[in-house]
């Protein structure tokens, strides 16, 4: 269950060379408050994590299978592939 974001406690800003972003306004929240819930646009594994985590579900497994097509991705099983 997702909670609503209270945008009055968040401000938009621009950072030269980095683009736009959101940040919490000072004093508008307490430790442990939920500030934002959002689905990720994309996700990927770092190069040094390849072969240790499934490229689809990110589960850590001792035995992963190579992708039969590209031979670079690793998956838990055919469902993840």
PDB file of N, CA and C in Angstrom:
ATOM      1  N   UNK A   1       0.845  -1.180   0.000  1.00  0.00           N
ATOM      2  CA  UNK A   1       0.000   0.000   0.000  1.00  0.00           C
ATOM      3  C   UNK A   1       0.888   1.240   0.000  1.00  0.00           C
ATOM      4  N   UNK A   2       0.676   2.118  -0.965  1.00  0.00           N
ATOM      5  CA  UNK A   2       1.467   3.338  -1.055  1.00  0.00           C
ATOM      6  C   UNK A   2       0.793   4.461  -0.294  1.00  0.00           C
ATOM      7  N   UNK A   3       1.603   5.308   0.315  1.00  0.00           N
ATOM      8  CA  UNK A   3       1.093   6.472   1.010  1.00  0.00           C
ATOM      9  C   UNK A   3       1.206   7.680   0.095  1.00  0.00           C
ATOM     10  N   UNK A   4       0.351   8.672   0.311  1.00  0.00           N
ATOM     11  CA  UNK A   4       0.404   9.878  -0.495  1.00  0.00           C
ATOM     12  C   UNK A   4       1.594  10.729  -0.107  1.00  0.00           C
ATOM     13  N   UNK A   5       2.127  11.446  -1.061  1.00  0.00           N
ATOM     14  CA  UNK A   5       3.231  12.357  -0.808  1.00  0.00           C
ATOM     15  C   UNK A   5       2.652  13.719  -0.471  1.00  0.00           C
ATOM     16  N   UNK A   6       3.155  14.324   0.575  1.00  0.00           N
ATOM     17  CA  UNK A   6       2.715  15.674   0.945  1.00  0.00           C
ATOM     18  C   UNK A   6       3.694  16.637   0.290  1.00  0.00           C
ATOM     19  N   UNK A   7       3.328  17.176  -0.875  1.00  0.00           N
ATOM     20  CA  UNK A   7       4.249  17.993  -1.654  1.00  0.00           C
ATOM     21  C   UNK A   7       4.547  19.343  -1.024  1.00  0.00           C
ATOM     22  N   UNK A   8       3.770  19.777  -0.048  1.00  0.00           N
ATOM     23  CA  UNK A   8       4.060  21.055   0.596  1.00  0.00           C
ATOM     24  C   UNK A   8       5.355  20.987   1.401  1.00  0.00           C
ATOM     25  N   UNK A   9       5.817  19.788   1.709  1.00  0.00           N
ATOM     26  CA  UNK A   9       7.056  19.635   2.475  1.00  0.00           C
ATOM     27  C   UNK A   9       8.254  19.370   1.570  1.00  0.00           C
ATOM     28  N   UNK A  10       8.031  19.414   0.256  1.00  0.00           N
ATOM     29  CA  UNK A  10       9.080  19.116  -0.709  1.00  0.00           C
ATOM     30  C   UNK A  10       9.216  20.289  -1.663  1.00  0.00           C
ATOM     31  N   UNK A  11      10.462  20.628  -2.016  1.00  0.00           N
ATOM     32  CA  UNK A  11      10.672  21.708  -2.977  1.00  0.00           C
ATOM     33  C   UNK A  11      11.441  21.196  -4.185  1.00  0.00           C
ATOM     34  N   UNK A  12      11.124  21.753  -5.342  1.00  0.00           N
ATOM     35  CA  UNK A  12      11.857  21.432  -6.563  1.00  0.00           C
ATOM     36  C   UNK A  12      13.075  22.331  -6.643  1.00  0.00           C
ATOM     37  N   UNK A  13      14.169  21.808  -7.226  1.00  0.00           N
ATOM     38  CA  UNK A  13      15.364  22.625  -7.404  1.00  0.00           C
ATOM     39  C   UNK A  13      16.092  22.188  -8.660  1.00  0.00           C
ATOM     40  N   UNK A  14      16.952  23.065  -9.154  1.00  0.00           N
ATOM     41  CA  UNK A  14      17.803  22.750 -10.304  1.00  0.00           C
ATOM     42  C   UNK A  14      19.245  22.768  -9.851  1.00  0.00           C
ATOM     43  N   UNK A  15      20.011  21.831 -10.362  1.00  0.00           N
ATOM     44  CA  UNK A  15      21.429  21.739 -10.035  1.00  0.00           C
ATOM     45  C   UNK A  15      22.214  21.791 -11.337  1.00  0.00           C
ATOM     46  N   UNK A  16      23.044  22.818 -11.530  1.00  0.00           N
ATOM     47  CA  UNK A  16      23.812  22.932 -12.777  1.00  0.00           C
ATOM     48  C   UNK A  16      24.620  21.660 -13.050  1.00  0.00           C
ATOM     49  N   UNK A  17      24.473  21.135 -14.244  1.00  0.00           N
ATOM     50  CA  UNK A  17      25.194  19.936 -14.635  1.00  0.00           C
ATOM     51  C   UNK A  17      24.549  18.636 -14.199  1.00  0.00           C
ATOM     52  N   UNK A  18      23.555  18.702 -13.307  1.00  0.00           N
ATOM     53  CA  UNK A  18      22.904  17.484 -12.818  1.00  0.00           C
ATOM     54  C   UNK A  18      21.420  17.430 -13.151  1.00  0.00           C
ATOM     55  N   UNK A  19      20.798  18.568 -13.364  1.00  0.00           N
ATOM     56  CA  UNK A  19      19.379  18.584 -13.698  1.00  0.00           C
ATOM     57  C   UNK A  19      18.487  18.980 -12.537  1.00  0.00           C
ATOM     58  N   UNK A  20      17.221  18.601 -12.641  1.00  0.00           N
ATOM     59  CA  UNK A  20      16.233  18.964 -11.626  1.00  0.00           C
ATOM     60  C   UNK A  20      16.130  17.893 -10.564  1.00  0.00           C
ATOM     61  N   UNK A  21      15.602  18.291  -9.401  1.00  0.00           N
ATOM     62  CA  UNK A  21      15.427  17.326  -8.330  1.00  0.00           C
ATOM     63  C   UNK A  21      14.400  17.795  -7.324  1.00  0.00           C
ATOM     64  N   UNK A  22      14.163  16.969  -6.329  1.00  0.00           N
ATOM     65  CA  UNK A  22      13.278  17.295  -5.211  1.00  0.00           C
ATOM     66  C   UNK A  22      14.080  17.182  -3.932  1.00  0.00           C
ATOM     67  N   UNK A  23      13.793  18.052  -2.984  1.00  0.00           N
ATOM     68  CA  UNK A  23      14.412  17.932  -1.669  1.00  0.00           C
ATOM     69  C   UNK A  23      13.397  18.347  -0.619  1.00  0.00           C
ATOM     70  N   UNK A  24      13.533  17.769   0.548  1.00  0.00           N
ATOM     71  CA  UNK A  24      12.624  18.072   1.653  1.00  0.00           C
ATOM     72  C   UNK A  24      12.960  19.447   2.212  1.00  0.00           C
ATOM     73  N   UNK A  25      11.928  20.239   2.474  1.00  0.00           N
ATOM     74  CA  UNK A  25      12.121  21.561   3.066  1.00  0.00           C
ATOM     75  C   UNK A  25      12.559  21.393   4.519  1.00  0.00           C
ATOM     76  N   UNK A  26      13.501  22.201   4.957  1.00  0.00           N
ATOM     77  CA  UNK A  26      14.015  22.110   6.330  1.00  0.00           C
ATOM     78  C   UNK A  26      12.900  22.287   7.352  1.00  0.00           C
ATOM     79  N   UNK A  27      12.943  21.453   8.383  1.00  0.00           N
ATOM     80  CA  UNK A  27      11.990  21.583   9.477  1.00  0.00           C
ATOM     81  C   UNK A  27      10.596  21.070   9.184  1.00  0.00           C
ATOM     82  N   UNK A  28      10.391  20.533   7.980  1.00  0.00           N
ATOM     83  CA  UNK A  28       9.043  20.098   7.607  1.00  0.00           C
ATOM     84  C   UNK A  28       8.811  18.612   7.868  1.00  0.00           C
ATOM     85  N   UNK A  29       9.797  17.935   8.436  1.00  0.00           N
ATOM     86  CA  UNK A  29       9.665  16.503   8.665  1.00  0.00           C
ATOM     87  C   UNK A  29      10.470  16.107   9.896  1.00  0.00           C
ATOM     88  N   UNK A  30      10.173  14.929  10.389  1.00  0.00           N
ATOM     89  CA  UNK A  30      10.886  14.381  11.546  1.00  0.00           C
ATOM     90  C   UNK A  30      11.610  13.110  11.134  1.00  0.00           C
ATOM     91  N   UNK A  31      12.561  12.697  11.926  1.00  0.00           N
ATOM     92  CA  UNK A  31      13.285  11.461  11.654  1.00  0.00           C
ATOM     93  C   UNK A  31      12.288  10.309  11.548  1.00  0.00           C
ATOM     94  N   UNK A  32      12.428   9.514  10.489  1.00  0.00           N
ATOM     95  CA  UNK A  32      11.550   8.367  10.291  1.00  0.00           C
ATOM     96  C   UNK A  32      10.322   8.651   9.446  1.00  0.00           C
ATOM     97  N   UNK A  33      10.041   9.933   9.127  1.00  0.00           N
ATOM     98  CA  UNK A  33       8.893  10.267   8.276  1.00  0.00           C
ATOM     99  C   UNK A  33       9.133   9.770   6.853  1.00  0.00           C
ATOM    100  N   UNK A  34       8.090   9.257   6.223  1.00  0.00           N
ATOM    101  CA  UNK A  34       8.156   8.841   4.832  1.00  0.00           C
ATOM    102  C   UNK A  34       8.006  10.082   3.969  1.00  0.00           C
ATOM    103  N   UNK A  35       8.974  10.341   3.092  1.00  0.00           N
ATOM    104  CA  UNK A  35       8.944  11.538   2.266  1.00  0.00           C
ATOM    105  C   UNK A  35       8.445  11.278   0.853  1.00  0.00           C
ATOM    106  N   UNK A  36       8.735  10.108   0.296  1.00  0.00           N
ATOM    107  CA  UNK A  36       8.348   9.843  -1.086  1.00  0.00           C
ATOM    108  C   UNK A  36       8.297   8.344  -1.332  1.00  0.00           C
ATOM    109  N   UNK A  37       7.276   7.904  -2.046  1.00  0.00           N
ATOM    110  CA  UNK A  37       7.171   6.522  -2.497  1.00  0.00           C
ATOM    111  C   UNK A  37       6.976   6.581  -4.006  1.00  0.00           C
ATOM    112  N   UNK A  38       7.843   5.906  -4.748  1.00  0.00           N
ATOM    113  CA  UNK A  38       7.730   5.927  -6.203  1.00  0.00           C
ATOM    114  C   UNK A  38       8.300   4.639  -6.777  1.00  0.00           C
ATOM    115  N   UNK A  39       7.751   4.207  -7.891  1.00  0.00           N
ATOM    116  CA  UNK A  39       8.284   3.057  -8.601  1.00  0.00           C
ATOM    117  C   UNK A  39       9.548   3.499  -9.335  1.00  0.00           C
ATOM    118  N   UNK A  40      10.606   2.685  -9.343  1.00  0.00           N
ATOM    119  CA  UNK A  40      11.823   3.068 -10.063  1.00  0.00           C
ATOM    120  C   UNK A  40      11.578   3.086 -11.567  1.00  0.00           C
ATOM    121  N   UNK A  41      12.211   4.021 -12.244  1.00  0.00           N
ATOM    122  CA  UNK A  41      12.120   4.096 -13.697  1.00  0.00           C
ATOM    123  C   UNK A  41      12.881   2.930 -14.316  1.00  0.00           C
ATOM    124  N   UNK A  42      14.031   2.634 -13.745  1.00  0.00           N
ATOM    125  CA  UNK A  42      14.823   1.498 -14.203  1.00  0.00           C
ATOM    126  C   UNK A  42      15.745   1.055 -13.072  1.00  0.00           C
ATOM    127  N   UNK A  43      16.302  -0.119 -13.225  1.00  0.00           N
ATOM    128  CA  UNK A  43      17.243  -0.641 -12.233  1.00  0.00           C
ATOM    129  C   UNK A  43      18.247  -1.525 -12.951  1.00  0.00           C
ATOM    130  N   UNK A  44      19.463  -1.543 -12.460  1.00  0.00           N
ATOM    131  CA  UNK A  44      20.507  -2.376 -13.049  1.00  0.00           C
ATOM    132  C   UNK A  44      21.512  -2.758 -11.973  1.00  0.00           C
ATOM    133  N   UNK A  45      22.241  -3.798 -12.216  1.00  0.00           N
ATOM    134  CA  UNK A  45      23.281  -4.232 -11.290  1.00  0.00           C
ATOM    135  C   UNK A  45      24.605  -3.568 -11.639  1.00  0.00           C
ATOM    136  N   UNK A  46      25.408  -3.293 -10.629  1.00  0.00           N
ATOM    137  CA  UNK A  46      26.767  -2.815 -10.856  1.00  0.00           C
ATOM    138  C   UNK A  46      27.577  -3.959 -11.470  1.00  0.00           C
ATOM    139  N   UNK A  47      28.580  -3.621 -12.250  1.00  0.00           N
ATOM    140  CA  UNK A  47      29.386  -4.642 -12.938  1.00  0.00           C
ATOM    141  C   UNK A  47      29.947  -5.686 -11.984  1.00  0.00           C
ATOM    142  N   UNK A  48      30.373  -5.268 -10.792  1.00  0.00           N
ATOM    143  CA  UNK A  48      30.969  -6.228  -9.857  1.00  0.00           C
ATOM    144  C   UNK A  48      29.940  -7.130  -9.178  1.00  0.00           C
ATOM    145  N   UNK A  49      28.658  -6.881  -9.389  1.00  0.00           N
ATOM    146  CA  UNK A  49      27.597  -7.724  -8.831  1.00  0.00           C
ATOM    147  C   UNK A  49      27.078  -8.743  -9.842  1.00  0.00           C
ATOM    148  N   UNK A  50      27.485  -8.601 -11.109  1.00  0.00           N
ATOM    149  CA  UNK A  50      27.039  -9.519 -12.158  1.00  0.00           C
ATOM    150  C   UNK A  50      27.440 -10.941 -11.823  1.00  0.00           C
ATOM    151  N   UNK A  51      26.516 -11.864 -11.993  1.00  0.00           N
ATOM    152  CA  UNK A  51      26.793 -13.266 -11.743  1.00  0.00           C
ATOM    153  C   UNK A  51      26.537 -13.685 -10.306  1.00  0.00           C
ATOM    154  N   UNK A  52      26.337 -12.715  -9.420  1.00  0.00           N
ATOM    155  CA  UNK A  52      26.029 -13.018  -8.017  1.00  0.00           C
ATOM    156  C   UNK A  52      24.560 -12.755  -7.706  1.00  0.00           C
ATOM    157  N   UNK A  53      23.918 -11.919  -8.539  1.00  0.00           N
ATOM    158  CA  UNK A  53      22.515 -11.567  -8.359  1.00  0.00           C
ATOM    159  C   UNK A  53      21.777 -11.772  -9.674  1.00  0.00           C
ATOM    160  N   UNK A  54      20.512 -12.157  -9.586  1.00  0.00           N
ATOM    161  CA  UNK A  54      19.665 -12.325 -10.771  1.00  0.00           C
ATOM    162  C   UNK A  54      19.455 -10.968 -11.436  1.00  0.00           C
ATOM    163  N   UNK A  55      19.603 -10.909 -12.756  1.00  0.00           N
ATOM    164  CA  UNK A  55      19.419  -9.660 -13.493  1.00  0.00           C
ATOM    165  C   UNK A  55      17.960  -9.216 -13.564  1.00  0.00           C
ATOM    166  N   UNK A  56      17.028 -10.084 -13.209  1.00  0.00           N
ATOM    167  CA  UNK A  56      15.611  -9.717 -13.238  1.00  0.00           C
ATOM    168  C   UNK A  56      15.075  -9.356 -11.854  1.00  0.00           C
ATOM    169  N   UNK A  57      15.194 -10.268 -10.899  1.00  0.00           N
ATOM    170  CA  UNK A  57      14.584 -10.055  -9.574  1.00  0.00           C
ATOM    171  C   UNK A  57      15.591  -9.588  -8.520  1.00  0.00           C
ATOM    172  N   UNK A  58      16.875  -9.560  -8.875  1.00  0.00           N
ATOM    173  CA  UNK A  58      17.967  -9.111  -8.001  1.00  0.00           C
ATOM    174  C   UNK A  58      18.190 -10.004  -6.781  1.00  0.00           C
ATOM    175  N   UNK A  59      17.655 -11.223  -6.803  1.00  0.00           N
ATOM    176  CA  UNK A  59      17.892 -12.163  -5.700  1.00  0.00           C
ATOM    177  C   UNK A  59      19.340 -12.643  -5.766  1.00  0.00           C
ATOM    178  N   UNK A  60      19.952 -12.783  -4.601  1.00  0.00           N
ATOM    179  CA  UNK A  60      21.320 -13.308  -4.546  1.00  0.00           C
ATOM    180  C   UNK A  60      21.242 -14.829  -4.495  1.00  0.00           C
ATOM    181  N   UNK A  61      21.893 -15.484  -5.434  1.00  0.00           N
ATOM    182  CA  UNK A  61      21.863 -16.945  -5.529  1.00  0.00           C
ATOM    183  C   UNK A  61      23.267 -17.471  -5.769  1.00  0.00           C
ATOM    184  N   UNK A  62      23.530 -18.676  -5.248  1.00  0.00           N
ATOM    185  CA  UNK A  62      24.820 -19.315  -5.487  1.00  0.00           C
ATOM    186  C   UNK A  62      24.929 -19.839  -6.915  1.00  0.00           C
ATOM    187  N   UNK A  63      23.811 -20.348  -7.444  1.00  0.00           N
ATOM    188  CA  UNK A  63      23.817 -20.897  -8.801  1.00  0.00           C
ATOM    189  C   UNK A  63      22.839 -20.118  -9.662  1.00  0.00           C
ATOM    190  N   UNK A  64      23.363 -19.387 -10.627  1.00  0.00           N
ATOM    191  CA  UNK A  64      22.548 -18.659 -11.592  1.00  0.00           C
ATOM    192  C   UNK A  64      22.835 -19.217 -12.978  1.00  0.00           C
ATOM    193  N   UNK A  65      21.873 -19.073 -13.883  1.00  0.00           N
ATOM    194  CA  UNK A  65      22.038 -19.550 -15.256  1.00  0.00           C
ATOM    195  C   UNK A  65      22.326 -18.381 -16.184  1.00  0.00           C
ATOM    196  N   UNK A  66      23.278 -18.587 -17.118  1.00  0.00           N
ATOM    197  CA  UNK A  66      23.542 -17.582 -18.148  1.00  0.00           C
ATOM    198  C   UNK A  66      22.344 -17.468 -19.075  1.00  0.00           C
ATOM    199  N   UNK A  67      22.130 -16.313 -19.620  1.00  0.00           N
ATOM    200  CA  UNK A  67      21.123 -16.140 -20.667  1.00  0.00           C
ATOM    201  C   UNK A  67      21.576 -16.954 -21.875  1.00  0.00           C
ATOM    202  N   UNK A  68      20.674 -17.762 -22.423  1.00  0.00           N
ATOM    203  CA  UNK A  68      21.009 -18.595 -23.570  1.00  0.00           C
ATOM    204  C   UNK A  68      21.263 -17.796 -24.832  1.00  0.00           C
ATOM    205  N   UNK A  69      20.753 -16.570 -24.882  1.00  0.00           N
ATOM    206  CA  UNK A  69      20.882 -15.758 -26.084  1.00  0.00           C
ATOM    207  C   UNK A  69      22.117 -14.844 -26.032  1.00  0.00           C
ATOM    208  N   UNK A  70      22.180 -13.978 -25.017  1.00  0.00           N
ATOM    209  CA  UNK A  70      23.263 -12.989 -24.980  1.00  0.00           C
ATOM    210  C   UNK A  70      24.504 -13.471 -24.231  1.00  0.00           C
ATOM    211  N   UNK A  71      24.362 -14.496 -23.398  1.00  0.00           N
ATOM    212  CA  UNK A  71      25.463 -15.070 -22.610  1.00  0.00           C
ATOM    213  C   UNK A  71      26.079 -14.079 -21.612  1.00  0.00           C
ATOM    214  N   UNK A  72      25.420 -12.945 -21.366  1.00  0.00           N
ATOM    215  CA  UNK A  72      25.960 -11.952 -20.436  1.00  0.00           C
ATOM    216  C   UNK A  72      25.104 -11.792 -19.190  1.00  0.00           C
ATOM    217  N   UNK A  73      23.809 -11.987 -19.308  1.00  0.00           N
ATOM    218  CA  UNK A  73      22.903 -11.833 -18.172  1.00  0.00           C
ATOM    219  C   UNK A  73      22.820 -13.144 -17.398  1.00  0.00           C
ATOM    220  N   UNK A  74      22.492 -13.043 -16.115  1.00  0.00           N
ATOM    221  CA  UNK A  74      22.334 -14.206 -15.243  1.00  0.00           C
ATOM    222  C   UNK A  74      20.941 -14.191 -14.639  1.00  0.00           C
ATOM    223  N   UNK A  75      20.310 -15.370 -14.579  1.00  0.00           N
ATOM    224  CA  UNK A  75      18.948 -15.464 -14.065  1.00  0.00           C
ATOM    225  C   UNK A  75      18.797 -16.631 -13.102  1.00  0.00           C
ATOM    226  N   UNK A  76      17.818 -16.508 -12.195  1.00  0.00           N
ATOM    227  CA  UNK A  76      17.495 -17.586 -11.252  1.00  0.00           C
ATOM    228  C   UNK A  76      16.987 -18.813 -11.996  1.00  0.00           C
ATOM    229  N   UNK A  77      16.094 -18.553 -12.974  1.00  0.00           N
ATOM    230  CA  UNK A  77      15.400 -19.628 -13.674  1.00  0.00           C
ATOM    231  C   UNK A  77      14.772 -19.066 -14.950  1.00  0.00           C
ATOM    232  N   UNK A  78      14.049 -19.905 -15.661  1.00  0.00           N
ATOM    233  CA  UNK A  78      13.408 -19.483 -16.914  1.00  0.00           C
ATOM    234  C   UNK A  78      12.346 -18.416 -16.682  1.00  0.00           C
ATOM    235  N   UNK A  79      11.678 -18.433 -15.530  1.00  0.00           N
ATOM    236  CA  UNK A  79      10.665 -17.408 -15.234  1.00  0.00           C
ATOM    237  C   UNK A  79      11.286 -16.020 -15.179  1.00  0.00           C
ATOM    238  N   UNK A  80      12.438 -15.897 -14.551  1.00  0.00           N
ATOM    239  CA  UNK A  80      13.113 -14.597 -14.467  1.00  0.00           C
ATOM    240  C   UNK A  80      13.666 -14.171 -15.824  1.00  0.00           C
ATOM    241  N   UNK A  81      14.062 -15.155 -16.637  1.00  0.00           N
ATOM    242  CA  UNK A  81      14.608 -14.828 -17.951  1.00  0.00           C
ATOM    243  C   UNK A  81      13.499 -14.372 -18.874  1.00  0.00           C
TER     244      UNK A  81
END
